[in-house]
Amino acid sequence: MTRVGFIGLGSQGGPMARRIVDAGYPTTLWARRRESLEPFADTAATIAATPAELGAATDVVAVCVVDDAGVNDVLRGPDGVLSTLAPGSVVIVHSTVHPHTCVRLQDDFPAITVIDAPVSGGGHQAAAGELMVMVGGPADVVEHCRPILATFGNPVLHVGPLGSGQEVKVVNNTVFTAQLGLAAEVYELALARGIDRQAVATIVTGGSGRSYAAEVVAGGGFNLDGLAVIAGHLLAKDVGILADRAGLAGTALLEAAEAALRRMGVARPATDQEEDHE
């Protein structure tokens, strides 16, 4: 069977890796924190001492770390996965990063194939094999990797060339961010008008204006304070990626998303590409 390596064993990556291991794939893991590996003590997974050691032992390497810097850190450099990964192997980037990060990896390491496959859903959905997986890359390589992706993903959607998975993921997250701001505004309006906010929540999460974001905001006390602490900076990062990639300046979507970020007290950061243009 294809030998799989997995890096990034957090709340989402850990269950994804466990599904791969439980499916019977020979799997090698690496993590900075020893406690991230403890849930795999009762499995057949092999633990690598370094990313380079993992690369030497695998055919397909999945990366599910937090950001662009983390992806480059574990893949590039003298101790990175790509220092030992054999030609013809595949790197799957599950992290939500700038599409340029994936394209640059492919350009810099043409002997291997990079596909991007960010996911939507939490750890419980990963454990149940129900993550939505958005994949960008060559069709033949995506199909080769589909059985691995299907261990934790349903549906697994091939959306286009390399980088497309990231674009679709940040579109999704930008729409979610915009809807968070709209939902918070609706609940403020209800409060100001003396209307029962819980009733409004039932209506906007089940009526013609149904919105998952409205459910999230209602569950957080009808404001964005708690969500800002947990995910504000990540949502801001994704809105920034889409703004840079798709040229959304002045669009209703970007303006609504940035208004939501202001409500959360976070700012959309400039991406590397925007800084290059200054």
C-alpha atoms as a PDB file:
ATOM      1  CA  MET A   1       0.000   0.000   0.000  1.00  0.00           C
ATOM      2  CA  THR A   2       0.977   3.624  -0.401  1.00  0.00           C
ATOM      3  CA  ARG A   3       3.129   4.781   2.507  1.00  0.00           C
ATOM      4  CA  VAL A   4       1.647   7.895   4.077  1.00  0.00           C
ATOM      5  CA  GLY A   5       3.326  10.534   6.235  1.00  0.00           C
ATOM      6  CA  PHE A   6       1.330  12.997   8.321  1.00  0.00           C
ATOM      7  CA  ILE A   7       2.486  16.209  10.016  1.00  0.00           C
ATOM      8  CA  GLY A   8       0.130  18.381  12.044  1.00  0.00           C
ATOM      9  CA  LEU A   9      -1.625  16.322  14.702  1.00  0.00           C
ATOM     10  CA  GLY A  10      -3.806  19.012  16.249  1.00  0.00           C
ATOM     11  CA  SER A  11      -7.523  18.968  16.963  1.00  0.00           C
ATOM     12  CA  GLN A  12      -8.307  18.448  13.293  1.00  0.00           C
ATOM     13  CA  GLY A  13      -5.167  16.802  11.926  1.00  0.00           C
ATOM     14  CA  GLY A  14      -5.008  14.229  14.718  1.00  0.00           C
ATOM     15  CA  PRO A  15      -8.365  12.616  13.857  1.00  0.00           C
ATOM     16  CA  MET A  16      -7.531  12.801  10.142  1.00  0.00           C
ATOM     17  CA  ALA A  17      -4.277  10.925  10.714  1.00  0.00           C
ATOM     18  CA  ARG A  18      -6.060   8.389  12.909  1.00  0.00           C
ATOM     19  CA  ARG A  19      -8.521   7.619  10.115  1.00  0.00           C
ATOM     20  CA  ILE A  20      -5.606   6.985   7.740  1.00  0.00           C
ATOM     21  CA  VAL A  21      -3.882   4.706  10.234  1.00  0.00           C
ATOM     22  CA  ASP A  22      -7.080   2.808  10.998  1.00  0.00           C
ATOM     23  CA  ALA A  23      -7.664   2.278   7.267  1.00  0.00           C
ATOM     24  CA  GLY A  24      -4.484   0.201   7.208  1.00  0.00           C
ATOM     25  CA  TYR A  25      -2.103   2.551   5.417  1.00  0.00           C
ATOM     26  CA  PRO A  26       1.518   2.242   6.576  1.00  0.00           C
ATOM     27  CA  THR A  27       1.747   5.630   8.282  1.00  0.00           C
ATOM     28  CA  THR A  28       4.632   7.662   9.662  1.00  0.00           C
ATOM     29  CA  LEU A  29       3.989  10.617  11.971  1.00  0.00           C
ATOM     30  CA  TRP A  30       6.058  13.557  13.183  1.00  0.00           C
ATOM     31  CA  ALA A  31       5.168  16.216  15.730  1.00  0.00           C
ATOM     32  CA  ARG A  32       7.029  18.847  17.708  1.00  0.00           C
ATOM     33  CA  ARG A  33       5.037  18.104  20.842  1.00  0.00           C
ATOM     34  CA  ARG A  34       5.348  14.600  22.241  1.00  0.00           C
ATOM     35  CA  GLU A  35       1.814  14.763  23.657  1.00  0.00           C
ATOM     36  CA  SER A  36       0.423  15.022  20.113  1.00  0.00           C
ATOM     37  CA  LEU A  37       1.739  11.529  19.451  1.00  0.00           C
ATOM     38  CA  GLU A  38       0.330   9.905  22.587  1.00  0.00           C
ATOM     39  CA  PRO A  39      -3.088   9.071  21.027  1.00  0.00           C
ATOM     40  CA  PHE A  40      -1.250   6.886  18.496  1.00  0.00           C
ATOM     41  CA  ALA A  41       0.578   4.760  21.044  1.00  0.00           C
ATOM     42  CA  ASP A  42      -1.870   1.886  20.516  1.00  0.00           C
ATOM     43  CA  THR A  43      -1.628   1.965  16.718  1.00  0.00           C
ATOM     44  CA  ALA A  44       0.742   0.624  14.069  1.00  0.00           C
ATOM     45  CA  ALA A  45       1.910   4.134  13.178  1.00  0.00           C
ATOM     46  CA  THR A  46       5.658   4.767  13.055  1.00  0.00           C
ATOM     47  CA  ILE A  47       7.076   7.879  14.719  1.00  0.00           C
ATOM     48  CA  ALA A  48       9.788   9.803  12.871  1.00  0.00           C
ATOM     49  CA  ALA A  49      12.471  11.771  14.708  1.00  0.00           C
ATOM     50  CA  THR A  50      12.514  14.572  12.096  1.00  0.00           C
ATOM     51  CA  PRO A  51      10.489  15.702   9.071  1.00  0.00           C
ATOM     52  CA  ALA A  52      13.387  14.527   6.888  1.00  0.00           C
ATOM     53  CA  GLU A  53      13.141  11.033   8.372  1.00  0.00           C
ATOM     54  CA  LEU A  54       9.418  11.044   7.658  1.00  0.00           C
ATOM     55  CA  GLY A  55      10.021  12.104   4.065  1.00  0.00           C
ATOM     56  CA  ALA A  56      12.443   9.243   3.475  1.00  0.00           C
ATOM     57  CA  ALA A  57       9.867   6.709   4.679  1.00  0.00           C
ATOM     58  CA  THR A  58       6.810   7.828   2.706  1.00  0.00           C
ATOM     59  CA  ASP A  59       5.272   8.163  -0.745  1.00  0.00           C
ATOM     60  CA  VAL A  60       2.521  10.670   0.099  1.00  0.00           C
ATOM     61  CA  VAL A  61       3.003  13.318   2.790  1.00  0.00           C
ATOM     62  CA  ALA A  62       0.024  15.178   4.262  1.00  0.00           C
ATOM     63  CA  VAL A  63       0.612  18.483   6.065  1.00  0.00           C
ATOM     64  CA  CYS A  64      -2.024  19.980   8.373  1.00  0.00           C
ATOM     65  CA  VAL A  65      -0.193  22.722  10.279  1.00  0.00           C
ATOM     66  CA  VAL A  66      -1.531  26.193  11.100  1.00  0.00           C
ATOM     67  CA  ASP A  67      -0.197  28.548   8.438  1.00  0.00           C
ATOM     68  CA  ASP A  68       2.097  29.265   5.492  1.00  0.00           C
ATOM     69  CA  ALA A  69       5.182  29.613   7.684  1.00  0.00           C
ATOM     70  CA  GLY A  70       4.467  26.244   9.274  1.00  0.00           C
ATOM     71  CA  VAL A  71       4.041  24.553   5.888  1.00  0.00           C
ATOM     72  CA  ASN A  72       7.347  25.933   4.632  1.00  0.00           C
ATOM     73  CA  ASP A  73       9.085  25.105   7.897  1.00  0.00           C
ATOM     74  CA  VAL A  74       8.274  21.382   7.843  1.00  0.00           C
ATOM     75  CA  LEU A  75       8.742  20.923   4.090  1.00  0.00           C
ATOM     76  CA  ARG A  76      11.717  23.085   3.138  1.00  0.00           C
ATOM     77  CA  GLY A  77      15.269  23.276   4.429  1.00  0.00           C
ATOM     78  CA  PRO A  78      17.989  20.741   5.246  1.00  0.00           C
ATOM     79  CA  ASP A  79      15.803  18.904   7.781  1.00  0.00           C
ATOM     80  CA  GLY A  80      12.519  19.314   5.890  1.00  0.00           C
ATOM     81  CA  VAL A  81      10.435  16.592   4.289  1.00  0.00           C
ATOM     82  CA  LEU A  82      11.465  17.631   0.790  1.00  0.00           C
ATOM     83  CA  SER A  83      15.146  17.087   1.542  1.00  0.00           C
ATOM     84  CA  THR A  84      14.537  13.323   1.438  1.00  0.00           C
ATOM     85  CA  LEU A  85      11.194  12.749  -0.317  1.00  0.00           C
ATOM     86  CA  ALA A  86      11.738  10.617  -3.413  1.00  0.00           C
ATOM     87  CA  PRO A  87      10.989  11.909  -6.916  1.00  0.00           C
ATOM     88  CA  GLY A  88       7.465  11.016  -7.980  1.00  0.00           C
ATOM     89  CA  SER A  89       6.097  11.376  -4.449  1.00  0.00           C
ATOM     90  CA  VAL A  90       3.166  13.624  -3.510  1.00  0.00           C
ATOM     91  CA  VAL A  91       2.729  16.387  -0.937  1.00  0.00           C
ATOM     92  CA  ILE A  92      -0.832  17.173   0.157  1.00  0.00           C
ATOM     93  CA  VAL A  93      -1.267  20.573   1.819  1.00  0.00           C
ATOM     94  CA  HIS A  94      -4.321  20.410   4.088  1.00  0.00           C
ATOM     95  CA  SER A  95      -3.445  23.673   5.848  1.00  0.00           C
ATOM     96  CA  THR A  96      -5.422  26.749   4.784  1.00  0.00           C
ATOM     97  CA  VAL A  97      -2.689  28.858   3.193  1.00  0.00           C
ATOM     98  CA  HIS A  98      -2.170  31.291   0.327  1.00  0.00           C
ATOM     99  CA  PRO A  99      -2.443  29.501  -3.044  1.00  0.00           C
ATOM    100  CA  HIS A 100       0.948  30.996  -3.946  1.00  0.00           C
ATOM    101  CA  THR A 101       2.527  28.932  -1.158  1.00  0.00           C
ATOM    102  CA  CYS A 102       1.454  25.722  -2.901  1.00  0.00           C
ATOM    103  CA  VAL A 103       2.402  26.943  -6.363  1.00  0.00           C
ATOM    104  CA  ARG A 104       5.849  28.025  -5.183  1.00  0.00           C
ATOM    105  CA  LEU A 105       6.439  24.626  -3.617  1.00  0.00           C
ATOM    106  CA  GLN A 106       5.620  22.966  -6.922  1.00  0.00           C
ATOM    107  CA  ASP A 107       7.845  25.375  -8.858  1.00  0.00           C
ATOM    108  CA  ASP A 108      10.760  24.883  -6.463  1.00  0.00           C
ATOM    109  CA  PHE A 109      10.448  21.080  -6.276  1.00  0.00           C
ATOM    110  CA  PRO A 110       9.347  19.886  -9.743  1.00  0.00           C
ATOM    111  CA  ALA A 111      10.376  16.270  -9.071  1.00  0.00           C
ATOM    112  CA  ILE A 112       7.425  15.803  -6.703  1.00  0.00           C
ATOM    113  CA  THR A 113       3.752  16.741  -7.128  1.00  0.00           C
ATOM    114  CA  VAL A 114       1.962  19.142  -4.800  1.00  0.00           C
ATOM    115  CA  ILE A 115      -1.805  19.139  -4.382  1.00  0.00           C
ATOM    116  CA  ASP A 116      -3.756  21.372  -2.038  1.00  0.00           C
ATOM    117  CA  ALA A 117      -6.627  19.864  -0.069  1.00  0.00           C
ATOM    118  CA  PRO A 118      -7.917  22.162   2.687  1.00  0.00           C
ATOM    119  CA  VAL A 119     -10.877  20.851   4.636  1.00  0.00           C
ATOM    120  CA  SER A 120     -14.070  22.196   6.176  1.00  0.00           C
ATOM    121  CA  GLY A 121     -15.396  20.755   9.423  1.00  0.00           C
ATOM    122  CA  GLY A 122     -14.159  20.144  12.935  1.00  0.00           C
ATOM    123  CA  GLY A 123     -12.346  17.326  14.667  1.00  0.00           C
ATOM    124  CA  HIS A 124     -15.549  15.400  15.334  1.00  0.00           C
ATOM    125  CA  GLN A 125     -16.326  15.383  11.619  1.00  0.00           C
ATOM    126  CA  ALA A 126     -12.793  14.245  10.847  1.00  0.00           C
ATOM    127  CA  ALA A 127     -13.177  11.370  13.303  1.00  0.00           C
ATOM    128  CA  ALA A 128     -16.442  10.397  11.599  1.00  0.00           C
ATOM    129  CA  GLY A 129     -14.936  10.583   8.099  1.00  0.00           C
ATOM    130  CA  GLU A 130     -17.221  13.480   7.170  1.00  0.00           C
ATOM    131  CA  LEU A 131     -14.897  16.396   6.399  1.00  0.00           C
ATOM    132  CA  MET A 132     -15.499  18.322   3.203  1.00  0.00           C
ATOM    133  CA  VAL A 133     -12.232  18.177   1.243  1.00  0.00           C
ATOM    134  CA  MET A 134     -11.542  20.748  -1.511  1.00  0.00           C
ATOM    135  CA  VAL A 135      -8.722  19.559  -3.761  1.00  0.00           C
ATOM    136  CA  GLY A 136      -6.639  21.420  -6.324  1.00  0.00           C
ATOM    137  CA  GLY A 137      -4.057  19.735  -8.547  1.00  0.00           C
ATOM    138  CA  PRO A 138      -3.573  17.394 -11.527  1.00  0.00           C
ATOM    139  CA  ALA A 139      -6.564  15.093 -11.962  1.00  0.00           C
ATOM    140  CA  ASP A 140      -4.512  11.899 -12.138  1.00  0.00           C
ATOM    141  CA  VAL A 141      -2.661  12.672  -8.907  1.00  0.00           C
ATOM    142  CA  VAL A 142      -5.880  13.672  -7.149  1.00  0.00           C
ATOM    143  CA  GLU A 143      -7.426  10.339  -8.154  1.00  0.00           C
ATOM    144  CA  HIS A 144      -4.330   8.498  -6.961  1.00  0.00           C
ATOM    145  CA  CYS A 145      -4.700  10.167  -3.554  1.00  0.00           C
ATOM    146  CA  ARG A 146      -8.504   9.994  -3.388  1.00  0.00           C
ATOM    147  CA  PRO A 147      -8.635   6.723  -1.373  1.00  0.00           C
ATOM    148  CA  ILE A 148      -6.425   8.320   1.291  1.00  0.00           C
ATOM    149  CA  LEU A 149      -8.505  11.498   1.355  1.00  0.00           C
ATOM    150  CA  ALA A 150     -11.698   9.435   1.519  1.00  0.00           C
ATOM    151  CA  THR A 151     -10.628   7.889   4.822  1.00  0.00           C
ATOM    152  CA  PHE A 152     -11.599  11.148   6.536  1.00  0.00           C
ATOM    153  CA  GLY A 153     -13.446  13.093   3.836  1.00  0.00           C
ATOM    154  CA  ASN A 154     -16.934  12.962   2.380  1.00  0.00           C
ATOM    155  CA  PRO A 155     -17.305  14.597  -0.042  1.00  0.00           C
ATOM    156  CA  VAL A 156     -13.866  14.828  -1.638  1.00  0.00           C
ATOM    157  CA  LEU A 157     -14.219  17.458  -4.368  1.00  0.00           C
ATOM    158  CA  HIS A 158     -11.649  18.087  -7.108  1.00  0.00           C
ATOM    159  CA  VAL A 159     -12.249  21.782  -7.804  1.00  0.00           C
ATOM    160  CA  GLY A 160      -9.491  22.636 -10.296  1.00  0.00           C
ATOM    161  CA  PRO A 161      -5.718  23.111 -10.743  1.00  0.00           C
ATOM    162  CA  LEU A 162      -3.178  23.561  -7.967  1.00  0.00           C
ATOM    163  CA  GLY A 163      -4.221  26.380  -5.656  1.00  0.00           C
ATOM    164  CA  SER A 164      -7.923  26.040  -6.420  1.00  0.00           C
ATOM    165  CA  GLY A 165      -8.650  24.179  -3.214  1.00  0.00           C
ATOM    166  CA  GLN A 166      -7.204  27.053  -1.219  1.00  0.00           C
ATOM    167  CA  GLU A 167      -9.179  29.620  -3.200  1.00  0.00           C
ATOM    168  CA  VAL A 168     -12.457  27.800  -2.628  1.00  0.00           C
ATOM    169  CA  LYS A 169     -11.676  27.358   1.071  1.00  0.00           C
ATOM    170  CA  VAL A 170     -11.004  31.053   1.656  1.00  0.00           C
ATOM    171  CA  VAL A 171     -14.096  31.984  -0.384  1.00  0.00           C
ATOM    172  CA  ASN A 172     -16.101  29.783   1.975  1.00  0.00           C
ATOM    173  CA  ASN A 173     -14.472  31.317   5.043  1.00  0.00           C
ATOM    174  CA  THR A 174     -14.921  34.865   3.742  1.00  0.00           C
ATOM    175  CA  VAL A 175     -18.623  34.275   3.153  1.00  0.00           C
ATOM    176  CA  PHE A 176     -18.863  32.838   6.678  1.00  0.00           C
ATOM    177  CA  THR A 177     -17.065  35.885   8.098  1.00  0.00           C
ATOM    178  CA  ALA A 178     -19.416  38.265   6.287  1.00  0.00           C
ATOM    179  CA  GLN A 179     -22.429  36.326   7.540  1.00  0.00           C
ATOM    180  CA  LEU A 180     -21.151  36.491  11.108  1.00  0.00           C
ATOM    181  CA  GLY A 181     -21.209  40.277  10.923  1.00  0.00           C
ATOM    182  CA  LEU A 182     -24.664  40.305   9.372  1.00  0.00           C
ATOM    183  CA  ALA A 183     -26.005  37.963  12.057  1.00  0.00           C
ATOM    184  CA  ALA A 184     -24.551  40.075  14.871  1.00  0.00           C
ATOM    185  CA  GLU A 185     -26.178  43.143  13.316  1.00  0.00           C
ATOM    186  CA  VAL A 186     -29.537  41.372  13.079  1.00  0.00           C
ATOM    187  CA  TYR A 187     -29.431  40.433  16.775  1.00  0.00           C
ATOM    188  CA  GLU A 188     -28.498  43.995  17.720  1.00  0.00           C
ATOM    189  CA  LEU A 189     -31.450  45.229  15.696  1.00  0.00           C
ATOM    190  CA  ALA A 190     -33.767  42.762  17.425  1.00  0.00           C
ATOM    191  CA  LEU A 191     -32.570  43.897  20.849  1.00  0.00           C
ATOM    192  CA  ALA A 192     -33.020  47.562  19.959  1.00  0.00           C
ATOM    193  CA  ARG A 193     -36.545  46.896  18.677  1.00  0.00           C
ATOM    194  CA  GLY A 194     -37.587  44.861  21.713  1.00  0.00           C
ATOM    195  CA  ILE A 195     -37.900  41.657  19.694  1.00  0.00           C
ATOM    196  CA  ASP A 196     -37.078  38.269  21.258  1.00  0.00           C
ATOM    197  CA  ARG A 197     -33.575  37.454  19.987  1.00  0.00           C
ATOM    198  CA  GLN A 198     -33.960  33.720  20.562  1.00  0.00           C
ATOM    199  CA  ALA A 199     -37.063  33.743  18.385  1.00  0.00           C
ATOM    200  CA  VAL A 200     -35.153  35.681  15.743  1.00  0.00           C
ATOM    201  CA  ALA A 201     -32.364  33.083  15.957  1.00  0.00           C
ATOM    202  CA  THR A 202     -34.862  30.290  15.322  1.00  0.00           C
ATOM    203  CA  ILE A 203     -36.172  32.153  12.288  1.00  0.00           C
ATOM    204  CA  VAL A 204     -32.843  33.071  10.660  1.00  0.00           C
ATOM    205  CA  THR A 205     -31.378  29.610  11.217  1.00  0.00           C
ATOM    206  CA  GLY A 206     -34.388  27.789   9.819  1.00  0.00           C
ATOM    207  CA  GLY A 207     -36.260  30.195   7.534  1.00  0.00           C
ATOM    208  CA  SER A 208     -35.556  31.450   4.034  1.00  0.00           C
ATOM    209  CA  GLY A 209     -32.639  33.511   5.393  1.00  0.00           C
ATOM    210  CA  ARG A 210     -31.108  30.461   7.043  1.00  0.00           C
ATOM    211  CA  SER A 211     -27.487  30.887   8.076  1.00  0.00           C
ATOM    212  CA  TYR A 212     -25.071  28.671   9.980  1.00  0.00           C
ATOM    213  CA  ALA A 213     -23.275  31.845  11.045  1.00  0.00           C
ATOM    214  CA  ALA A 214     -26.475  33.085  12.711  1.00  0.00           C
ATOM    215  CA  GLU A 215     -26.559  29.848  14.713  1.00  0.00           C
ATOM    216  CA  VAL A 216     -22.930  30.303  15.762  1.00  0.00           C
ATOM    217  CA  VAL A 217     -23.494  33.904  16.862  1.00  0.00           C
ATOM    218  CA  ALA A 218     -26.647  33.005  18.795  1.00  0.00           C
ATOM    219  CA  GLY A 219     -24.777  30.213  20.559  1.00  0.00           C
ATOM    220  CA  GLY A 220     -22.071  32.690  21.538  1.00  0.00           C
ATOM    221  CA  GLY A 221     -24.378  35.052  23.398  1.00  0.00           C
ATOM    222  CA  PHE A 222     -25.587  36.994  20.325  1.00  0.00           C
ATOM    223  CA  ASN A 223     -22.234  38.743  19.862  1.00  0.00           C
ATOM    224  CA  LEU A 224     -18.833  38.019  18.317  1.00  0.00           C
ATOM    225  CA  ASP A 225     -16.693  38.447  21.421  1.00  0.00           C
ATOM    226  CA  GLY A 226     -16.005  34.775  22.085  1.00  0.00           C
ATOM    227  CA  LEU A 227     -15.494  33.913  18.445  1.00  0.00           C
ATOM    228  CA  ALA A 228     -13.063  36.809  18.075  1.00  0.00           C
ATOM    229  CA  VAL A 229     -10.794  35.257  20.695  1.00  0.00           C
ATOM    230  CA  ILE A 230     -10.986  31.757  19.243  1.00  0.00           C
ATOM    231  CA  ALA A 231     -10.899  32.379  15.502  1.00  0.00           C
ATOM    232  CA  GLY A 232     -10.734  36.108  14.734  1.00  0.00           C
ATOM    233  CA  HIS A 233      -7.129  36.106  13.553  1.00  0.00           C
ATOM    234  CA  LEU A 234      -7.647  32.994  11.401  1.00  0.00           C
ATOM    235  CA  LEU A 235     -10.711  34.472   9.701  1.00  0.00           C
ATOM    236  CA  ALA A 236      -8.796  37.715   9.125  1.00  0.00           C
ATOM    237  CA  LYS A 237      -5.958  35.741   7.509  1.00  0.00           C
ATOM    238  CA  ASP A 238      -8.345  33.985   5.134  1.00  0.00           C
ATOM    239  CA  VAL A 239     -10.154  37.194   4.173  1.00  0.00           C
ATOM    240  CA  GLY A 240      -6.740  38.714   3.432  1.00  0.00           C
ATOM    241  CA  ILE A 241      -5.762  35.795   1.211  1.00  0.00           C
ATOM    242  CA  LEU A 242      -8.932  36.057  -0.842  1.00  0.00           C
ATOM    243  CA  ALA A 243      -8.632  39.842  -1.132  1.00  0.00           C
ATOM    244  CA  ASP A 244      -5.124  39.454  -2.492  1.00  0.00           C
ATOM    245  CA  ARG A 245      -5.835  36.510  -4.762  1.00  0.00           C
ATOM    246  CA  ALA A 246      -9.118  37.545  -6.319  1.00  0.00           C
ATOM    247  CA  GLY A 247      -8.841  41.345  -6.351  1.00  0.00           C
ATOM    248  CA  LEU A 248     -11.990  41.905  -4.311  1.00  0.00           C
ATOM    249  CA  ALA A 249     -11.369  45.544  -3.346  1.00  0.00           C
ATOM    250  CA  GLY A 250     -14.645  47.420  -3.264  1.00  0.00           C
ATOM    251  CA  THR A 251     -16.858  44.350  -3.559  1.00  0.00           C
ATOM    252  CA  ALA A 252     -19.861  43.808  -1.280  1.00  0.00           C
ATOM    253  CA  LEU A 253     -18.394  40.500  -0.071  1.00  0.00           C
ATOM    254  CA  LEU A 254     -15.090  41.997   1.039  1.00  0.00           C
ATOM    255  CA  GLU A 255     -16.717  45.026   2.621  1.00  0.00           C
ATOM    256  CA  ALA A 256     -19.126  42.832   4.599  1.00  0.00           C
ATOM    257  CA  ALA A 257     -16.325  40.527   5.724  1.00  0.00           C
ATOM    258  CA  GLU A 258     -14.115  43.425   6.806  1.00  0.00           C
ATOM    259  CA  ALA A 259     -17.044  44.966   8.707  1.00  0.00           C
ATOM    260  CA  ALA A 260     -17.383  41.678  10.604  1.00  0.00           C
ATOM    261  CA  LEU A 261     -13.668  41.677  11.380  1.00  0.00           C
ATOM    262  CA  ARG A 262     -13.975  45.206  12.778  1.00  0.00           C
ATOM    263  CA  ARG A 263     -16.769  44.012  15.032  1.00  0.00           C
ATOM    264  CA  MET A 264     -14.374  41.335  16.301  1.00  0.00           C
ATOM    265  CA  GLY A 265     -11.614  43.881  16.824  1.00  0.00           C
ATOM    266  CA  VAL A 266      -9.248  42.310  14.311  1.00  0.00           C
ATOM    267  CA  ALA A 267      -7.839  43.715  11.095  1.00  0.00           C
ATOM    268  CA  ARG A 268      -7.250  41.994   7.787  1.00  0.00           C
ATOM    269  CA  PRO A 269      -3.462  41.620   7.550  1.00  0.00           C
ATOM    270  CA  ALA A 270      -1.553  42.483   4.432  1.00  0.00           C
ATOM    271  CA  THR A 271      -0.452  39.333   2.633  1.00  0.00           C
ATOM    272  CA  ASP A 272       3.100  38.780   1.426  1.00  0.00           C
ATOM    273  CA  GLN A 273       1.945  39.624  -2.074  1.00  0.00           C
ATOM    274  CA  GLU A 274       0.460  42.976  -1.002  1.00  0.00           C
ATOM    275  CA  GLU A 275       3.644  43.853   0.849  1.00  0.00           C
ATOM    276  CA  ASP A 276       5.655  43.036  -2.266  1.00  0.00           C
ATOM    277  CA  HIS A 277       3.633  45.658  -4.168  1.00  0.00           C
ATOM    278  CA  GLU A 278       4.212  48.459  -1.650  1.00  0.00           C
END
